[in-house]
Structure formats: structure tokens, C-alpha cells
PDB file of N, CA and C in Angstrom:
ATOM      1  N   UNK A   1      33.985 -67.840 -86.315  1.00  0.00           N
ATOM      2  CA  UNK A   1      32.456 -67.185 -85.990  1.00  0.00           C
ATOM      3  C   UNK A   1      32.174 -65.814 -85.099  1.00  0.00           C
ATOM      4  N   UNK A   2      31.228 -65.023 -85.323  1.00  0.00           N
ATOM      5  CA  UNK A   2      30.703 -63.827 -84.345  1.00  0.00           C
ATOM      6  C   UNK A   2      30.420 -64.324 -83.486  1.00  0.00           C
ATOM      7  N   UNK A   3      29.894 -63.524 -82.473  1.00  0.00           N
ATOM      8  CA  UNK A   3      29.008 -63.498 -81.661  1.00  0.00           C
ATOM      9  C   UNK A   3      27.668 -63.433 -82.312  1.00  0.00           C
ATOM     10  N   UNK A   4      26.765 -64.516 -81.120  1.00  0.00           N
ATOM     11  CA  UNK A   4      25.470 -64.435 -81.582  1.00  0.00           C
ATOM     12  C   UNK A   4      24.221 -62.957 -80.772  1.00  0.00           C
ATOM     13  N   UNK A   5      23.710 -62.117 -82.041  1.00  0.00           N
ATOM     14  CA  UNK A   5      23.051 -61.102 -81.724  1.00  0.00           C
ATOM     15  C   UNK A   5      22.549 -61.526 -80.614  1.00  0.00           C
ATOM     16  N   UNK A   6      22.318 -60.284 -79.488  1.00  0.00           N
ATOM     17  CA  UNK A   6      21.647 -60.514 -78.403  1.00  0.00           C
ATOM     18  C   UNK A   6      20.470 -59.482 -78.277  1.00  0.00           C
ATOM     19  N   UNK A   7      19.217 -59.970 -77.841  1.00  0.00           N
ATOM     20  CA  UNK A   7      17.781 -59.567 -77.868  1.00  0.00           C
ATOM     21  C   UNK A   7      17.648 -58.810 -76.590  1.00  0.00           C
ATOM     22  N   UNK A   8      16.709 -57.802 -76.570  1.00  0.00           N
ATOM     23  CA  UNK A   8      16.612 -57.287 -75.201  1.00  0.00           C
ATOM     24  C   UNK A   8      14.933 -56.839 -76.020  1.00  0.00           C
ATOM     25  N   UNK A   9      14.720 -57.281 -74.395  1.00  0.00           N
ATOM     26  CA  UNK A   9      12.896 -57.174 -74.329  1.00  0.00           C
ATOM     27  C   UNK A   9      12.694 -55.892 -74.115  1.00  0.00           C
ATOM     28  N   UNK A  10      11.365 -55.560 -74.409  1.00  0.00           N
ATOM     29  CA  UNK A  10      10.943 -54.229 -74.446  1.00  0.00           C
ATOM     30  C   UNK A  10      10.562 -53.718 -73.171  1.00  0.00           C
ATOM     31  N   UNK A  11      10.575 -54.533 -72.059  1.00  0.00           N
ATOM     32  CA  UNK A  11      10.252 -54.155 -70.794  1.00  0.00           C
ATOM     33  C   UNK A  11      11.814 -53.222 -70.179  1.00  0.00           C
ATOM     34  N   UNK A  12      12.999 -54.478 -70.840  1.00  0.00           N
ATOM     35  CA  UNK A  12      14.208 -53.674 -70.313  1.00  0.00           C
ATOM     36  C   UNK A  12      14.400 -52.311 -71.006  1.00  0.00           C
ATOM     37  N   UNK A  13      14.272 -52.600 -72.130  1.00  0.00           N
ATOM     38  CA  UNK A  13      14.698 -51.144 -73.239  1.00  0.00           C
ATOM     39  C   UNK A  13      13.999 -49.943 -71.970  1.00  0.00           C
ATOM     40  N   UNK A  14      12.871 -49.885 -71.705  1.00  0.00           N
ATOM     41  CA  UNK A  14      11.875 -49.289 -71.440  1.00  0.00           C
ATOM     42  C   UNK A  14      12.898 -48.668 -69.754  1.00  0.00           C
ATOM     43  N   UNK A  15      13.100 -49.492 -69.353  1.00  0.00           N
ATOM     44  CA  UNK A  15      13.571 -49.593 -67.771  1.00  0.00           C
ATOM     45  C   UNK A  15      15.176 -48.581 -68.048  1.00  0.00           C
ATOM     46  N   UNK A  16      15.774 -49.330 -69.534  1.00  0.00           N
ATOM     47  CA  UNK A  16      17.016 -48.496 -69.345  1.00  0.00           C
ATOM     48  C   UNK A  16      17.112 -46.851 -69.567  1.00  0.00           C
ATOM     49  N   UNK A  17      15.882 -46.864 -70.493  1.00  0.00           N
ATOM     50  CA  UNK A  17      15.417 -45.620 -71.157  1.00  0.00           C
ATOM     51  C   UNK A  17      15.068 -44.690 -70.172  1.00  0.00           C
ATOM     52  N   UNK A  18      14.138 -45.181 -69.444  1.00  0.00           N
ATOM     53  CA  UNK A  18      13.625 -43.748 -68.542  1.00  0.00           C
ATOM     54  C   UNK A  18      14.759 -43.823 -67.205  1.00  0.00           C
ATOM     55  N   UNK A  19      15.709 -44.919 -67.089  1.00  0.00           N
ATOM     56  CA  UNK A  19      16.788 -44.478 -65.941  1.00  0.00           C
ATOM     57  C   UNK A  19      17.317 -43.187 -66.151  1.00  0.00           C
ATOM     58  N   UNK A  20      18.134 -43.152 -68.377  1.00  0.00           N
ATOM     59  CA  UNK A  20      18.739 -42.307 -68.873  1.00  0.00           C
ATOM     60  C   UNK A  20      17.522 -40.998 -68.943  1.00  0.00           C
ATOM     61  N   UNK A  21      16.445 -41.198 -69.007  1.00  0.00           N
ATOM     62  CA  UNK A  21      15.776 -39.764 -68.753  1.00  0.00           C
ATOM     63  C   UNK A  21      15.796 -39.012 -67.581  1.00  0.00           C
ATOM     64  N   UNK A  22      15.837 -39.884 -67.022  1.00  0.00           N
ATOM     65  CA  UNK A  22      15.407 -38.933 -65.553  1.00  0.00           C
ATOM     66  C   UNK A  22      17.535 -38.660 -65.243  1.00  0.00           C
ATOM     67  N   UNK A  23      18.444 -38.803 -65.890  1.00  0.00           N
ATOM     68  CA  UNK A  23      19.529 -38.468 -65.376  1.00  0.00           C
ATOM     69  C   UNK A  23      20.314 -38.704 -64.255  1.00  0.00           C
ATOM     70  N   UNK A  24      19.904 -39.592 -63.335  1.00  0.00           N
ATOM     71  CA  UNK A  24      20.233 -39.592 -62.277  1.00  0.00           C
ATOM     72  C   UNK A  24      22.241 -40.189 -62.231  1.00  0.00           C
ATOM     73  N   UNK A  25      22.194 -40.639 -63.385  1.00  0.00           N
ATOM     74  CA  UNK A  25      23.713 -40.946 -63.474  1.00  0.00           C
ATOM     75  C   UNK A  25      23.958 -41.134 -65.044  1.00  0.00           C
ATOM     76  N   UNK A  26      25.193 -40.834 -65.614  1.00  0.00           N
ATOM     77  CA  UNK A  26      25.797 -40.434 -66.870  1.00  0.00           C
ATOM     78  C   UNK A  26      25.212 -41.938 -67.772  1.00  0.00           C
ATOM     79  N   UNK A  27      25.170 -41.612 -69.069  1.00  0.00           N
ATOM     80  CA  UNK A  27      25.069 -42.710 -70.225  1.00  0.00           C
ATOM     81  C   UNK A  27      25.759 -43.673 -69.707  1.00  0.00           C
ATOM     82  N   UNK A  28      27.314 -42.974 -69.611  1.00  0.00           N
ATOM     83  CA  UNK A  28      28.155 -43.801 -69.760  1.00  0.00           C
ATOM     84  C   UNK A  28      28.049 -45.051 -68.093  1.00  0.00           C
ATOM     85  N   UNK A  29      27.777 -44.340 -67.764  1.00  0.00           N
ATOM     86  CA  UNK A  29      27.588 -45.220 -66.212  1.00  0.00           C
ATOM     87  C   UNK A  29      25.997 -46.221 -65.910  1.00  0.00           C
ATOM     88  N   UNK A  30      25.236 -45.661 -66.766  1.00  0.00           N
ATOM     89  CA  UNK A  30      23.646 -46.855 -67.373  1.00  0.00           C
ATOM     90  C   UNK A  30      24.975 -47.675 -67.914  1.00  0.00           C
ATOM     91  N   UNK A  31      25.317 -47.329 -68.807  1.00  0.00           N
ATOM     92  CA  UNK A  31      25.377 -48.178 -70.159  1.00  0.00           C
ATOM     93  C   UNK A  31      25.966 -49.387 -69.453  1.00  0.00           C
ATOM     94  N   UNK A  32      27.655 -49.333 -68.981  1.00  0.00           N
ATOM     95  CA  UNK A  32      28.387 -49.826 -68.687  1.00  0.00           C
ATOM     96  C   UNK A  32      27.866 -50.611 -67.480  1.00  0.00           C
ATOM     97  N   UNK A  33      26.637 -50.419 -66.442  1.00  0.00           N
ATOM     98  CA  UNK A  33      25.969 -51.096 -65.651  1.00  0.00           C
ATOM     99  C   UNK A  33      25.070 -52.373 -65.931  1.00  0.00           C
ATOM    100  N   UNK A  34      24.724 -51.883 -67.155  1.00  0.00           N
ATOM    101  CA  UNK A  34      23.821 -52.675 -68.277  1.00  0.00           C
ATOM    102  C   UNK A  34      24.641 -53.650 -68.892  1.00  0.00           C
ATOM    103  N   UNK A  35      25.635 -53.541 -68.664  1.00  0.00           N
ATOM    104  CA  UNK A  35      26.336 -54.453 -70.007  1.00  0.00           C
ATOM    105  C   UNK A  35      25.766 -53.379 -71.961  1.00  0.00           C
ATOM    106  N   UNK A  36      25.756 -52.745 -71.802  1.00  0.00           N
ATOM    107  CA  UNK A  36      25.750 -52.323 -73.410  1.00  0.00           C
ATOM    108  C   UNK A  36      26.646 -51.064 -73.672  1.00  0.00           C
ATOM    109  N   UNK A  37      26.329 -50.950 -75.274  1.00  0.00           N
ATOM    110  CA  UNK A  37      27.316 -49.717 -75.469  1.00  0.00           C
ATOM    111  C   UNK A  37      26.648 -48.325 -75.215  1.00  0.00           C
ATOM    112  N   UNK A  38      27.183 -47.233 -74.670  1.00  0.00           N
ATOM    113  CA  UNK A  38      26.625 -46.114 -74.619  1.00  0.00           C
ATOM    114  C   UNK A  38      25.813 -45.891 -76.088  1.00  0.00           C
ATOM    115  N   UNK A  39      26.108 -45.970 -76.917  1.00  0.00           N
ATOM    116  CA  UNK A  39      25.693 -45.184 -77.883  1.00  0.00           C
ATOM    117  C   UNK A  39      23.820 -46.154 -78.028  1.00  0.00           C
ATOM    118  N   UNK A  40      23.935 -47.378 -77.634  1.00  0.00           N
ATOM    119  CA  UNK A  40      22.931 -48.034 -77.680  1.00  0.00           C
ATOM    120  C   UNK A  40      21.491 -47.530 -76.727  1.00  0.00           C
ATOM    121  N   UNK A  41      21.983 -47.140 -75.065  1.00  0.00           N
ATOM    122  CA  UNK A  41      21.309 -46.329 -74.633  1.00  0.00           C
ATOM    123  C   UNK A  41      20.826 -44.716 -75.032  1.00  0.00           C
ATOM    124  N   UNK A  42      21.867 -44.235 -75.582  1.00  0.00           N
ATOM    125  CA  UNK A  42      21.486 -42.899 -76.267  1.00  0.00           C
ATOM    126  C   UNK A  42      20.150 -42.909 -77.259  1.00  0.00           C
ATOM    127  N   UNK A  43      20.366 -44.089 -78.314  1.00  0.00           N
ATOM    128  CA  UNK A  43      19.208 -44.412 -78.798  1.00  0.00           C
ATOM    129  C   UNK A  43      18.086 -44.633 -78.214  1.00  0.00           C
ATOM    130  N   UNK A  44      18.403 -45.715 -77.103  1.00  0.00           N
ATOM    131  CA  UNK A  44      16.968 -45.629 -76.935  1.00  0.00           C
ATOM    132  C   UNK A  44      16.331 -44.746 -75.827  1.00  0.00           C
ATOM    133  N   UNK A  45      17.077 -43.901 -75.427  1.00  0.00           N
ATOM    134  CA  UNK A  45      16.811 -42.394 -74.495  1.00  0.00           C
ATOM    135  C   UNK A  45      15.796 -41.644 -75.465  1.00  0.00           C
ATOM    136  N   UNK A  46      16.503 -41.572 -76.851  1.00  0.00           N
ATOM    137  CA  UNK A  46      15.865 -40.733 -77.771  1.00  0.00           C
ATOM    138  C   UNK A  46      14.594 -41.336 -78.081  1.00  0.00           C
ATOM    139  N   UNK A  47      14.285 -42.691 -78.409  1.00  0.00           N
ATOM    140  CA  UNK A  47      13.277 -43.223 -79.413  1.00  0.00           C
ATOM    141  C   UNK A  47      12.517 -43.426 -78.105  1.00  0.00           C
ATOM    142  N   UNK A  48      12.609 -43.122 -76.501  1.00  0.00           N
ATOM    143  CA  UNK A  48      11.844 -43.011 -75.731  1.00  0.00           C
ATOM    144  C   UNK A  48      11.041 -41.258 -75.339  1.00  0.00           C
ATOM    145  N   UNK A  49      12.137 -40.641 -75.590  1.00  0.00           N
ATOM    146  CA  UNK A  49      11.259 -39.092 -75.634  1.00  0.00           C
ATOM    147  C   UNK A  49      10.553 -38.967 -76.812  1.00  0.00           C
ATOM    148  N   UNK A  50      10.842 -39.574 -77.932  1.00  0.00           N
ATOM    149  CA  UNK A  50      10.161 -39.504 -78.905  1.00  0.00           C
ATOM    150  C   UNK A  50       8.567 -39.791 -78.832  1.00  0.00           C
ATOM    151  N   UNK A  51       8.657 -41.093 -78.820  1.00  0.00           N
ATOM    152  CA  UNK A  51       7.707 -41.895 -77.881  1.00  0.00           C
ATOM    153  C   UNK A  51       6.898 -41.499 -77.533  1.00  0.00           C
ATOM    154  N   UNK A  52       7.337 -40.618 -76.065  1.00  0.00           N
ATOM    155  CA  UNK A  52       6.304 -40.428 -75.203  1.00  0.00           C
ATOM    156  C   UNK A  52       4.986 -39.151 -75.984  1.00  0.00           C
ATOM    157  N   UNK A  53       5.302 -38.286 -76.677  1.00  0.00           N
ATOM    158  CA  UNK A  53       4.564 -37.657 -77.353  1.00  0.00           C
ATOM    159  C   UNK A  53       3.393 -38.157 -78.023  1.00  0.00           C
ATOM    160  N   UNK A  54       3.304 -39.315 -78.813  1.00  0.00           N
ATOM    161  CA  UNK A  54       2.638 -40.243 -79.639  1.00  0.00           C
ATOM    162  C   UNK A  54       1.309 -41.005 -78.444  1.00  0.00           C
ATOM    163  N   UNK A  55       2.159 -41.382 -77.328  1.00  0.00           N
ATOM    164  CA  UNK A  55       0.912 -41.692 -76.188  1.00  0.00           C
ATOM    165  C   UNK A  55       0.150 -40.586 -75.661  1.00  0.00           C
ATOM    166  N   UNK A  56       0.575 -39.252 -75.793  1.00  0.00           N
ATOM    167  CA  UNK A  56      -0.060 -38.101 -75.590  1.00  0.00           C
ATOM    168  C   UNK A  56      -1.202 -37.705 -76.904  1.00  0.00           C
ATOM    169  N   UNK A  57      -1.149 -37.681 -77.989  1.00  0.00           N
ATOM    170  CA  UNK A  57      -1.763 -37.562 -79.397  1.00  0.00           C
ATOM    171  C   UNK A  57      -3.114 -38.387 -79.759  1.00  0.00           C
ATOM    172  N   UNK A  58      -4.044 -37.708 -80.225  1.00  0.00           N
ATOM    173  CA  UNK A  58      -5.063 -38.389 -80.254  1.00  0.00           C
ATOM    174  C   UNK A  58      -6.212 -38.832 -79.575  1.00  0.00           C
ATOM    175  N   UNK A  59      -5.422 -39.358 -78.457  1.00  0.00           N
ATOM    176  CA  UNK A  59      -6.573 -39.886 -77.525  1.00  0.00           C
ATOM    177  C   UNK A  59      -7.113 -40.934 -77.281  1.00  0.00           C
ATOM    178  N   UNK A  60      -8.121 -40.997 -76.257  1.00  0.00           N
ATOM    179  CA  UNK A  60      -9.188 -42.261 -76.534  1.00  0.00           C
ATOM    180  C   UNK A  60     -10.434 -41.415 -77.474  1.00  0.00           C
ATOM    181  N   UNK A  61     -10.663 -40.659 -77.665  1.00  0.00           N
ATOM    182  CA  UNK A  61     -11.548 -39.721 -78.567  1.00  0.00           C
ATOM    183  C   UNK A  61     -11.269 -40.494 -80.218  1.00  0.00           C
ATOM    184  N   UNK A  62     -10.408 -40.322 -80.461  1.00  0.00           N
ATOM    185  CA  UNK A  62      -9.766 -41.038 -82.114  1.00  0.00           C
ATOM    186  C   UNK A  62     -10.211 -42.680 -81.962  1.00  0.00           C
ATOM    187  N   UNK A  63      -9.746 -43.197 -80.928  1.00  0.00           N
ATOM    188  CA  UNK A  63      -9.670 -44.773 -80.699  1.00  0.00           C
ATOM    189  C   UNK A  63     -11.266 -45.015 -80.889  1.00  0.00           C
ATOM    190  N   UNK A  64     -11.865 -44.230 -80.157  1.00  0.00           N
ATOM    191  CA  UNK A  64     -13.842 -44.684 -79.996  1.00  0.00           C
ATOM    192  C   UNK A  64     -14.336 -44.544 -81.166  1.00  0.00           C
ATOM    193  N   UNK A  65     -13.919 -43.344 -82.270  1.00  0.00           N
ATOM    194  CA  UNK A  65     -14.073 -42.875 -83.403  1.00  0.00           C
ATOM    195  C   UNK A  65     -13.999 -44.685 -84.227  1.00  0.00           C
ATOM    196  N   UNK A  66     -13.534 -44.668 -83.897  1.00  0.00           N
ATOM    197  CA  UNK A  66     -12.628 -46.203 -85.277  1.00  0.00           C
ATOM    198  C   UNK A  66     -13.378 -46.943 -84.677  1.00  0.00           C
ATOM    199  N   UNK A  67     -13.753 -47.389 -83.343  1.00  0.00           N
ATOM    200  CA  UNK A  67     -14.454 -48.564 -82.687  1.00  0.00           C
ATOM    201  C   UNK A  67     -15.846 -48.273 -83.258  1.00  0.00           C
ATOM    202  N   UNK A  68     -16.274 -47.172 -83.354  1.00  0.00           N
ATOM    203  CA  UNK A  68     -18.065 -46.892 -83.798  1.00  0.00           C
ATOM    204  C   UNK A  68     -18.289 -47.054 -85.340  1.00  0.00           C
ATOM    205  N   UNK A  69     -17.282 -46.519 -86.166  1.00  0.00           N
ATOM    206  CA  UNK A  69     -17.392 -47.327 -87.196  1.00  0.00           C
ATOM    207  C   UNK A  69     -17.041 -48.595 -87.767  1.00  0.00           C
ATOM    208  N   UNK A  70     -16.332 -48.878 -86.995  1.00  0.00           N
ATOM    209  CA  UNK A  70     -16.478 -50.734 -87.505  1.00  0.00           C
ATOM    210  C   UNK A  70     -17.463 -51.784 -86.734  1.00  0.00           C
ATOM    211  N   UNK A  71     -18.378 -50.756 -85.820  1.00  0.00           N
ATOM    212  CA  UNK A  71     -19.804 -51.479 -85.158  1.00  0.00           C
ATOM    213  C   UNK A  71     -20.572 -51.029 -86.363  1.00  0.00           C
ATOM    214  N   UNK A  72     -20.417 -49.777 -87.133  1.00  0.00           N
ATOM    215  CA  UNK A  72     -21.623 -49.058 -87.796  1.00  0.00           C
ATOM    216  C   UNK A  72     -21.031 -50.310 -88.957  1.00  0.00           C
ATOM    217  N   UNK A  73     -19.882 -50.535 -89.100  1.00  0.00           N
ATOM    218  CA  UNK A  73     -19.781 -51.520 -90.573  1.00  0.00           C
ATOM    219  C   UNK A  73     -20.558 -53.190 -90.562  1.00  0.00           C
ATOM    220  N   UNK A  74     -20.293 -53.311 -88.778  1.00  0.00           N
ATOM    221  CA  UNK A  74     -20.325 -54.929 -88.680  1.00  0.00           C
ATOM    222  C   UNK A  74     -21.798 -55.355 -88.779  1.00  0.00           C
ATOM    223  N   UNK A  75     -22.398 -54.206 -88.427  1.00  0.00           N
ATOM    224  CA  UNK A  75     -24.212 -53.966 -88.272  1.00  0.00           C
ATOM    225  C   UNK A  75     -24.922 -53.844 -90.028  1.00  0.00           C
ATOM    226  N   UNK A  76     -23.964 -53.267 -90.767  1.00  0.00           N
ATOM    227  CA  UNK A  76     -24.387 -52.970 -91.958  1.00  0.00           C
ATOM    228  C   UNK A  76     -23.931 -54.315 -92.780  1.00  0.00           C
ATOM    229  N   UNK A  77     -22.978 -55.210 -92.339  1.00  0.00           N
ATOM    230  CA  UNK A  77     -22.871 -56.287 -93.133  1.00  0.00           C
ATOM    231  C   UNK A  77     -24.195 -57.571 -92.465  1.00  0.00           C
ATOM    232  N   UNK A  78     -23.969 -57.579 -91.157  1.00  0.00           N
ATOM    233  CA  UNK A  78     -25.218 -58.163 -90.461  1.00  0.00           C
ATOM    234  C   UNK A  78     -26.579 -57.728 -90.355  1.00  0.00           C
ATOM    235  N   UNK A  79     -26.757 -56.553 -90.927  1.00  0.00           N
ATOM    236  CA  UNK A  79     -27.958 -55.957 -91.199  1.00  0.00           C
ATOM    237  C   UNK A  79     -28.569 -56.351 -89.890  1.00  0.00           C
ATOM    238  N   UNK A  80     -27.666 -56.075 -88.908  1.00  0.00           N
ATOM    239  CA  UNK A  80     -29.063 -55.748 -87.832  1.00  0.00           C
ATOM    240  C   UNK A  80     -28.785 -54.464 -87.163  1.00  0.00           C
TER     241      UNK A  80
END
């Protein structure tokens, strides 16, 4: 039988990815220190850099518009 699959928390992944993005150490060094394969560290680093742009897209204005539409819809249903 093979080994049980390990699961990592989002916080752990973020910490490792940010460490890799800072480029203080090599991907190999970060992987070895955290007991990971270097490909996994590289994948998390890539996901973090791609996801960072999404944090700044749309902004609060888009969420505000969605919220206002939901409020109008609920008011229409309740008749108030």
C-alpha cells in the first residue's frame, strides 16, 4: 500500500509561496526545509503570483453593485 496523501492548509501554502516569491532562498532550499518537492513549491509560487492580480481586479465597487442588486431584489420580493 502507498503512503497516505498529505493535505496542506491554505496558510501553509501561502507562507511557502510568499517565501518563494521573496527569493531569499532557492526553491530547492525552501522545498527541503519544508519537506516538499521543488515542483510543488514552484506551483504554489506560480498560483500566488497569478492570484495576486485577481485581488486587485474589480475592487470594492463591483461587490457594492452586486450587494445593491441583491438588496433591490429582496425589497421587491418583500414589497417594502
